[in-house]
Structures are given as structure tokens and as C-alpha cells.
N, C-alpha and C. Protein backbone atom coordinates (compact mmCIF):
# COMPACT_ATOMS: atom_id res chain seq x y z
N MET A 1 67.33 20.95 134.09
CA MET A 1 67.47 21.59 132.78
C MET A 1 68.51 22.70 132.86
N MET A 2 68.45 23.52 133.91
CA MET A 2 69.42 24.59 134.06
C MET A 2 70.83 24.02 134.17
N ASP A 3 70.96 22.84 134.80
CA ASP A 3 72.26 22.21 134.92
C ASP A 3 72.85 21.91 133.54
N ARG A 4 71.99 21.50 132.61
CA ARG A 4 72.45 21.19 131.25
C ARG A 4 72.96 22.46 130.55
N ILE A 5 72.25 23.56 130.71
CA ILE A 5 72.70 24.82 130.13
C ILE A 5 74.08 25.19 130.69
N GLN A 6 74.24 25.06 132.01
CA GLN A 6 75.53 25.39 132.63
C GLN A 6 76.63 24.48 132.10
N ARG A 7 76.31 23.20 131.92
CA ARG A 7 77.30 22.24 131.41
C ARG A 7 77.72 22.63 129.99
N VAL A 8 76.77 22.94 129.14
CA VAL A 8 77.08 23.30 127.75
C VAL A 8 77.86 24.62 127.72
N LYS A 9 77.48 25.59 128.55
CA LYS A 9 78.23 26.84 128.61
C LYS A 9 79.68 26.58 129.02
N THR A 10 79.88 25.69 129.98
CA THR A 10 81.23 25.35 130.43
C THR A 10 82.03 24.71 129.30
N ILE A 11 81.41 23.79 128.57
CA ILE A 11 82.09 23.15 127.43
C ILE A 11 82.54 24.20 126.42
N VAL A 12 81.65 25.13 126.09
CA VAL A 12 81.96 26.17 125.11
C VAL A 12 83.11 27.04 125.60
N ARG A 13 83.01 27.52 126.82
CA ARG A 13 84.05 28.39 127.38
C ARG A 13 85.41 27.69 127.42
N GLU A 14 85.41 26.44 127.91
CA GLU A 14 86.66 25.69 128.01
C GLU A 14 87.27 25.43 126.64
N TRP A 15 86.43 25.07 125.67
CA TRP A 15 86.93 24.80 124.33
C TRP A 15 87.56 26.07 123.73
N LEU A 16 86.88 27.20 123.85
CA LEU A 16 87.40 28.45 123.30
C LEU A 16 88.70 28.84 124.00
N LEU A 17 88.78 28.63 125.30
CA LEU A 17 90.00 28.95 126.04
C LEU A 17 91.16 28.04 125.61
N GLU A 18 90.88 26.75 125.49
CA GLU A 18 91.90 25.79 125.07
C GLU A 18 92.43 26.09 123.67
N HIS A 19 91.59 26.67 122.83
CA HIS A 19 91.97 26.93 121.43
C HIS A 19 92.22 28.41 121.15
N SER A 20 92.36 29.20 122.21
CA SER A 20 92.51 30.65 122.02
C SER A 20 93.75 31.02 121.21
N ASP A 21 94.85 30.30 121.39
CA ASP A 21 96.07 30.60 120.62
C ASP A 21 95.83 30.40 119.13
N ILE A 22 95.13 29.34 118.78
CA ILE A 22 94.83 29.05 117.37
C ILE A 22 93.89 30.12 116.82
N LEU A 23 92.89 30.49 117.59
CA LEU A 23 91.94 31.51 117.14
C LEU A 23 92.67 32.82 116.86
N VAL A 24 93.53 33.23 117.78
CA VAL A 24 94.29 34.48 117.60
C VAL A 24 95.20 34.37 116.38
N ALA A 25 95.91 33.25 116.27
CA ALA A 25 96.84 33.06 115.15
C ALA A 25 96.12 33.10 113.80
N GLN A 26 94.86 32.65 113.79
CA GLN A 26 94.09 32.61 112.55
C GLN A 26 93.29 33.90 112.33
N GLY A 27 93.45 34.87 113.21
CA GLY A 27 92.77 36.15 113.04
C GLY A 27 91.30 36.13 113.39
N VAL A 28 90.90 35.20 114.26
CA VAL A 28 89.50 35.13 114.68
C VAL A 28 89.30 36.04 115.89
N GLN A 29 88.42 37.01 115.74
CA GLN A 29 88.08 37.89 116.85
C GLN A 29 86.86 37.31 117.57
N THR A 30 86.95 37.26 118.89
CA THR A 30 85.89 36.68 119.71
C THR A 30 85.28 37.76 120.58
N GLU A 31 83.96 37.82 120.57
CA GLU A 31 83.27 38.79 121.42
C GLU A 31 82.16 38.09 122.20
N MET A 32 82.23 38.19 123.52
CA MET A 32 81.18 37.66 124.38
C MET A 32 80.08 38.72 124.42
N VAL A 33 79.00 38.50 123.70
CA VAL A 33 77.93 39.48 123.58
C VAL A 33 77.02 39.45 124.81
N ALA A 34 76.74 38.26 125.29
CA ALA A 34 75.87 38.10 126.47
C ALA A 34 76.31 36.87 127.23
N ASP A 35 76.34 36.99 128.55
CA ASP A 35 76.70 35.86 129.39
C ASP A 35 76.02 36.04 130.74
N ASN A 36 74.89 35.37 130.89
CA ASN A 36 74.24 35.37 132.20
C ASN A 36 73.82 33.95 132.53
N GLU A 37 73.07 33.79 133.58
CA GLU A 37 72.80 32.45 134.10
C GLU A 37 72.19 31.50 133.07
N ASP A 38 71.27 32.01 132.26
CA ASP A 38 70.56 31.10 131.35
C ASP A 38 70.74 31.46 129.87
N TYR A 39 71.78 32.25 129.56
CA TYR A 39 71.99 32.66 128.16
C TYR A 39 73.45 33.01 127.92
N LEU A 40 74.00 32.46 126.83
CA LEU A 40 75.36 32.78 126.41
C LEU A 40 75.34 33.01 124.91
N ARG A 41 75.92 34.12 124.47
CA ARG A 41 76.00 34.41 123.03
C ARG A 41 77.40 34.94 122.74
N ILE A 42 78.07 34.27 121.82
CA ILE A 42 79.43 34.63 121.44
C ILE A 42 79.48 34.81 119.93
N ILE A 43 80.12 35.89 119.51
CA ILE A 43 80.32 36.15 118.08
C ILE A 43 81.80 35.92 117.77
N LEU A 44 82.05 35.21 116.69
CA LEU A 44 83.40 34.96 116.19
C LEU A 44 83.48 35.59 114.80
N GLU A 45 84.50 36.39 114.57
CA GLU A 45 84.60 37.05 113.27
C GLU A 45 85.98 36.90 112.65
N THR A 46 85.99 36.73 111.34
CA THR A 46 87.20 36.80 110.54
C THR A 46 86.96 37.89 109.50
N GLU A 47 87.90 38.07 108.59
CA GLU A 47 87.74 39.12 107.59
C GLU A 47 86.49 38.92 106.74
N ASP A 48 86.16 37.65 106.47
CA ASP A 48 85.06 37.43 105.52
C ASP A 48 83.92 36.55 106.05
N ARG A 49 84.02 36.11 107.29
CA ARG A 49 82.96 35.25 107.84
C ARG A 49 82.67 35.64 109.29
N MET A 50 81.45 35.32 109.71
CA MET A 50 81.04 35.56 111.08
C MET A 50 80.36 34.31 111.62
N GLY A 51 80.71 33.94 112.84
CA GLY A 51 80.07 32.81 113.49
C GLY A 51 79.33 33.28 114.73
N GLU A 52 78.29 32.55 115.07
CA GLU A 52 77.53 32.85 116.27
C GLU A 52 77.32 31.55 117.04
N ILE A 53 77.62 31.60 118.33
CA ILE A 53 77.36 30.48 119.24
C ILE A 53 76.32 30.97 120.24
N VAL A 54 75.26 30.20 120.39
CA VAL A 54 74.23 30.54 121.38
C VAL A 54 73.97 29.32 122.25
N VAL A 55 73.92 29.54 123.56
CA VAL A 55 73.52 28.51 124.51
C VAL A 55 72.36 29.09 125.31
N GLU A 56 71.23 28.41 125.27
CA GLU A 56 70.03 28.86 125.98
C GLU A 56 69.04 27.70 126.03
N ASP A 57 68.00 27.86 126.81
CA ASP A 57 66.90 26.90 126.77
C ASP A 57 66.00 27.36 125.63
N ALA A 58 66.22 26.76 124.47
CA ALA A 58 65.62 27.28 123.24
C ALA A 58 64.11 27.08 123.17
N GLY A 59 63.61 26.07 123.83
CA GLY A 59 62.16 25.85 123.81
C GLY A 59 61.66 25.37 122.46
N PHE A 60 61.36 26.30 121.57
CA PHE A 60 60.74 25.93 120.30
C PHE A 60 61.68 26.07 119.10
N ALA A 61 62.93 26.45 119.33
CA ALA A 61 63.88 26.62 118.23
C ALA A 61 64.29 25.26 117.65
N PRO A 62 65.05 25.28 116.55
CA PRO A 62 65.46 23.99 115.97
C PRO A 62 66.58 23.31 116.76
N TYR A 63 66.90 23.83 117.92
CA TYR A 63 67.92 23.23 118.77
C TYR A 63 67.40 23.16 120.20
N ASN A 64 68.09 22.37 121.01
CA ASN A 64 67.70 22.17 122.39
C ASN A 64 68.31 23.25 123.28
N PHE A 65 69.66 23.29 123.34
CA PHE A 65 70.37 24.27 124.17
C PHE A 65 71.49 24.99 123.43
N PHE A 66 71.87 24.53 122.25
CA PHE A 66 73.10 25.02 121.62
C PHE A 66 72.93 25.11 120.11
N LYS A 67 73.45 26.22 119.56
CA LYS A 67 73.57 26.31 118.11
C LYS A 67 74.87 27.01 117.77
N ILE A 68 75.45 26.61 116.64
CA ILE A 68 76.57 27.35 116.08
C ILE A 68 76.25 27.52 114.60
N GLU A 69 76.39 28.75 114.13
CA GLU A 69 76.16 29.06 112.73
C GLU A 69 77.30 29.93 112.24
N VAL A 70 77.70 29.70 110.99
CA VAL A 70 78.73 30.51 110.35
C VAL A 70 78.14 31.07 109.06
N ALA A 71 78.29 32.38 108.87
CA ALA A 71 77.75 33.03 107.68
C ALA A 71 78.85 33.80 106.98
N GLN A 72 78.63 34.02 105.69
CA GLN A 72 79.50 34.90 104.92
C GLN A 72 78.64 35.68 103.95
N ILE A 73 79.19 36.77 103.46
CA ILE A 73 78.45 37.59 102.50
C ILE A 73 78.64 37.01 101.11
N VAL A 74 77.53 36.70 100.46
CA VAL A 74 77.52 36.20 99.09
C VAL A 74 76.54 37.07 98.31
N ASP A 75 77.03 37.72 97.27
CA ASP A 75 76.18 38.61 96.47
C ASP A 75 75.43 39.61 97.35
N ASP A 76 76.17 40.26 98.25
CA ASP A 76 75.62 41.30 99.14
C ASP A 76 74.58 40.80 100.14
N ARG A 77 74.52 39.49 100.34
CA ARG A 77 73.57 38.94 101.32
C ARG A 77 74.29 37.94 102.21
N ALA A 78 73.92 37.93 103.48
CA ALA A 78 74.49 36.95 104.40
C ALA A 78 73.93 35.57 104.07
N GLU A 79 74.83 34.61 103.97
CA GLU A 79 74.42 33.24 103.67
C GLU A 79 75.07 32.31 104.69
N ILE A 80 74.27 31.46 105.32
CA ILE A 80 74.81 30.52 106.30
C ILE A 80 75.54 29.40 105.55
N VAL A 81 76.82 29.23 105.87
CA VAL A 81 77.64 28.22 105.20
C VAL A 81 77.88 27.00 106.09
N MET A 82 77.56 27.12 107.37
CA MET A 82 77.69 25.99 108.29
C MET A 82 76.74 26.23 109.45
N ALA A 83 76.02 25.21 109.85
CA ALA A 83 75.13 25.30 111.01
C ALA A 83 75.07 23.94 111.68
N TRP A 84 75.02 23.96 113.01
CA TRP A 84 74.87 22.72 113.78
C TRP A 84 74.02 23.04 115.00
N TYR A 85 73.08 22.14 115.26
CA TYR A 85 72.15 22.32 116.38
C TYR A 85 72.14 21.05 117.22
N ASP A 86 72.10 21.21 118.53
CA ASP A 86 72.03 20.02 119.38
C ASP A 86 70.60 19.52 119.48
N LYS A 87 70.46 18.37 120.11
CA LYS A 87 69.13 17.79 120.35
C LYS A 87 69.19 17.03 121.66
N ASP A 88 68.07 16.49 122.09
CA ASP A 88 68.09 15.70 123.32
C ASP A 88 69.13 14.60 123.20
N GLY A 89 69.94 14.45 124.24
CA GLY A 89 70.90 13.36 124.26
C GLY A 89 72.23 13.67 123.60
N THR A 90 72.44 14.89 123.12
CA THR A 90 73.74 15.24 122.54
C THR A 90 74.81 15.11 123.61
N ASP A 91 75.91 14.40 123.30
CA ASP A 91 76.96 14.23 124.32
C ASP A 91 78.01 15.34 124.22
N ASP A 92 78.81 15.44 125.27
CA ASP A 92 79.78 16.54 125.38
C ASP A 92 80.72 16.61 124.18
N ASP A 93 81.19 15.46 123.71
CA ASP A 93 82.13 15.46 122.59
C ASP A 93 81.50 16.00 121.31
N ALA A 94 80.21 15.81 121.15
CA ALA A 94 79.53 16.33 119.96
C ALA A 94 79.55 17.85 119.94
N TYR A 95 79.43 18.47 121.11
CA TYR A 95 79.53 19.93 121.19
C TYR A 95 80.93 20.38 120.79
N ARG A 96 81.94 19.67 121.31
CA ARG A 96 83.33 20.03 120.99
C ARG A 96 83.60 19.88 119.49
N GLU A 97 83.09 18.82 118.92
CA GLU A 97 83.25 18.58 117.48
C GLU A 97 82.56 19.68 116.67
N ALA A 98 81.38 20.11 117.12
CA ALA A 98 80.67 21.18 116.43
C ALA A 98 81.45 22.49 116.51
N LEU A 99 82.05 22.78 117.65
CA LEU A 99 82.87 23.98 117.80
C LEU A 99 84.07 23.92 116.85
N LYS A 100 84.72 22.76 116.80
CA LYS A 100 85.87 22.59 115.90
C LYS A 100 85.45 22.80 114.45
N ASN A 101 84.36 22.16 114.06
CA ASN A 101 83.89 22.29 112.67
C ASN A 101 83.50 23.72 112.34
N GLY A 102 82.89 24.40 113.30
CA GLY A 102 82.50 25.79 113.08
C GLY A 102 83.71 26.69 112.88
N VAL A 103 84.71 26.51 113.73
CA VAL A 103 85.93 27.33 113.60
C VAL A 103 86.67 26.96 112.32
N ASP A 104 86.73 25.68 111.98
CA ASP A 104 87.36 25.28 110.72
C ASP A 104 86.68 25.98 109.54
N THR A 105 85.36 26.06 109.58
CA THR A 105 84.61 26.73 108.51
C THR A 105 84.93 28.22 108.50
N LEU A 106 85.00 28.80 109.68
CA LEU A 106 85.33 30.25 109.79
C LEU A 106 86.66 30.57 109.10
N ILE A 107 87.63 29.69 109.29
CA ILE A 107 88.98 29.97 108.77
C ILE A 107 89.29 29.17 107.50
N HIS A 108 88.25 28.62 106.89
CA HIS A 108 88.35 27.96 105.57
C HIS A 108 89.19 26.69 105.57
N ILE A 109 89.29 25.99 106.69
CA ILE A 109 90.02 24.71 106.67
C ILE A 109 89.14 23.67 105.97
N GLY A 110 89.74 22.91 105.09
CA GLY A 110 89.04 21.83 104.41
C GLY A 110 88.25 22.28 103.20
N GLU A 111 88.49 23.49 102.75
CA GLU A 111 87.75 23.96 101.55
C GLU A 111 88.64 23.90 100.33
């Protein structure tokens, strides 16, 4: 199980590194809030949206090891505009696709 967390953390880190030029060009600020053996939390921010990536052994959460959520302020309240959660059997490419979709939502691509 710990191996799966490490694998997902590696996918997230590699994807963010590979796309760092695009993130910077689009004004996405990235902050590694927590990074230890069994927990990774990254915040992505733009002027009007915030994303959160969490990798952990969630146990009872609506995800297995990974979630990405993007929120924006609507009528003075945070509203989630995009969310994706993994499940048993999620393959590596699905994580990459979720990261892409999350960042696209952050920077309003496809709206």
C-alpha cells in the first residue's frame, strides 16, 4: 500500500515538474504544503481559483490515495468547480489526465 502512495506522489511531482513552464506562464503559483513519507499536499493558486492536490492513504474518504479539487469564490463562498478522486485500480495515466484537467480548470481552459 505504501508503494502505491509513493508511486502516486512520484506521478504528481513529475507531472508538475514537466508542466512547470506552462504553470508559470499561466500565473499558477504552486506551494508544497506538506511532503512526507505517507502524505503530500500541494496548493495551486491563480488570481481567482485555488486547487488542492492530496496524496495519502485516505482510508474512509471518497478517494483511495489521490484527490484534486479546484474551487473559486462565488457569492462570497468557496465553491468546488472541479473534483476528481481515484479508486482501486486507477492507472497512472488517469492521474495524469486528472492533473491536466485540474490545471485546465484553474486557468479556465475550455470554458
